Amino acid sequence: MAAISREEVAHLARLSRLAVTEEELDTFAGQLDVILQSVAQVGEVAAADIPPTSHSVPLTNVLREDVVTPSLTPQEALSGAPDAEEQRFRVPRILDEDVAS
């Protein structure tokens, strides 16, 4: 695989709207070349008989049954609120915009 050139790094920097110095172009070219070589090595190892995976280990979702348990009534939940309206906490308006209903 050919090494990435300074011109290609400069082009990528322009596309990314990054301001890079001449010295950084050399540094980034070397770093990007190492990254691209590593990706190429991984591509060489991948075999057609190995299915693609999203995780290196199998995942299992652990779910529990939904069980109704006793909880606070609306009155109990709102009992400590400074202000309540229609079984909801009432809070001061923070936006001066009209809200469409």
Protein backbone atom coordinates (compact mmCIF):
# COMPACT_ATOMS: atom_id res chain seq x y z
CA MET A 1 0.00 0.00 0.00
CA ALA A 2 1.38 3.41 -0.96
CA ALA A 3 2.16 5.89 1.79
CA ILE A 4 -0.20 8.83 2.17
CA SER A 5 1.33 11.99 0.76
CA ARG A 6 1.61 15.43 2.29
CA GLU A 7 -0.67 16.70 -0.47
CA GLU A 8 -3.35 14.17 0.50
CA VAL A 9 -3.04 15.19 4.16
CA ALA A 10 -3.32 18.85 3.16
CA HIS A 11 -6.40 18.01 1.08
CA LEU A 12 -7.99 16.17 4.03
CA ALA A 13 -7.16 19.11 6.31
CA ARG A 14 -8.86 21.53 3.89
CA LEU A 15 -11.94 19.30 3.68
CA SER A 16 -12.02 19.13 7.49
CA ARG A 17 -11.43 22.87 7.71
CA LEU A 18 -8.36 22.32 9.87
CA ALA A 19 -5.48 24.76 9.87
CA VAL A 20 -2.27 22.72 9.92
CA THR A 21 1.34 23.82 9.72
CA GLU A 22 3.92 22.43 7.31
CA GLU A 23 5.48 20.50 10.20
CA GLU A 24 2.10 19.03 11.17
CA LEU A 25 1.57 17.87 7.57
CA ASP A 26 4.68 15.70 7.87
CA THR A 27 3.67 14.41 11.31
CA PHE A 28 0.10 13.64 10.28
CA ALA A 29 1.21 11.98 7.05
CA GLY A 30 3.35 9.54 9.05
CA GLN A 31 0.58 8.92 11.61
CA LEU A 32 -2.10 8.39 8.97
CA ASP A 33 0.19 6.04 7.08
CA VAL A 34 0.59 3.87 10.21
CA ILE A 35 -3.19 3.84 10.69
CA LEU A 36 -3.84 2.87 7.07
CA GLN A 37 -1.22 0.10 7.23
CA SER A 38 -2.87 -1.26 10.39
CA VAL A 39 -6.28 -1.27 8.72
CA ALA A 40 -4.78 -3.07 5.71
CA GLN A 41 -3.31 -5.73 8.03
CA VAL A 42 -6.72 -6.32 9.59
CA GLY A 43 -8.19 -6.64 6.11
CA GLU A 44 -5.64 -9.32 5.25
CA VAL A 45 -6.57 -11.38 8.32
CA ALA A 46 -10.32 -11.29 7.67
CA ALA A 47 -11.39 -14.55 6.06
CA ALA A 48 -14.46 -15.23 3.95
CA ASP A 49 -15.52 -18.11 6.21
CA ILE A 50 -15.62 -15.91 9.34
CA PRO A 51 -18.95 -14.08 9.71
CA PRO A 52 -18.84 -10.36 10.54
CA THR A 53 -19.60 -9.50 14.17
CA SER A 54 -20.50 -6.35 16.02
CA HIS A 55 -18.96 -7.47 19.31
CA SER A 56 -16.04 -9.68 20.22
CA VAL A 57 -18.10 -11.60 22.79
CA PRO A 58 -21.72 -12.75 22.58
CA LEU A 59 -24.22 -10.40 24.18
CA THR A 60 -27.41 -11.42 25.93
CA ASN A 61 -30.06 -8.99 27.12
CA VAL A 62 -31.12 -9.66 30.67
CA LEU A 63 -34.70 -8.60 31.17
CA ARG A 64 -37.00 -8.92 34.13
CA GLU A 65 -40.74 -9.16 34.19
CA ASP A 66 -42.63 -5.91 34.74
CA VAL A 67 -44.24 -6.16 38.14
CA VAL A 68 -46.64 -3.58 39.53
CA THR A 69 -45.51 -2.49 42.99
CA PRO A 70 -46.97 0.05 45.39
CA SER A 71 -45.82 3.60 44.76
CA LEU A 72 -46.72 7.15 45.69
CA THR A 73 -50.12 8.56 44.84
CA PRO A 74 -50.08 11.80 42.84
CA GLN A 75 -51.03 13.68 46.01
CA GLU A 76 -48.14 12.12 47.96
CA ALA A 77 -45.67 12.83 45.15
CA LEU A 78 -46.75 16.47 44.92
CA SER A 79 -47.07 17.03 48.68
CA GLY A 80 -43.57 18.57 48.95
CA ALA A 81 -43.78 20.60 45.75
CA PRO A 82 -43.73 24.39 46.12
CA ASP A 83 -46.51 24.61 43.51
CA ALA A 84 -48.66 22.05 41.69
CA GLU A 85 -51.36 22.25 39.04
CA GLU A 86 -53.48 19.47 37.47
CA GLN A 87 -51.50 16.77 39.30
CA ARG A 88 -48.21 18.10 37.90
CA PHE A 89 -45.28 20.05 39.27
CA ARG A 90 -45.68 23.72 38.37
CA VAL A 91 -42.42 25.47 37.51
CA PRO A 92 -41.66 29.03 36.43
CA ARG A 93 -41.59 29.73 32.71
CA ILE A 94 -38.04 30.15 31.47
CA LEU A 95 -38.75 30.98 27.82
CA ASP A 96 -40.71 33.98 26.62
CA GLU A 97 -41.94 32.19 23.54
CA ASP A 98 -45.54 31.33 22.83
CA VAL A 99 -46.06 27.61 23.01
CA ALA A 100 -48.31 26.15 20.29
CA SER A 101 -51.05 23.97 21.73
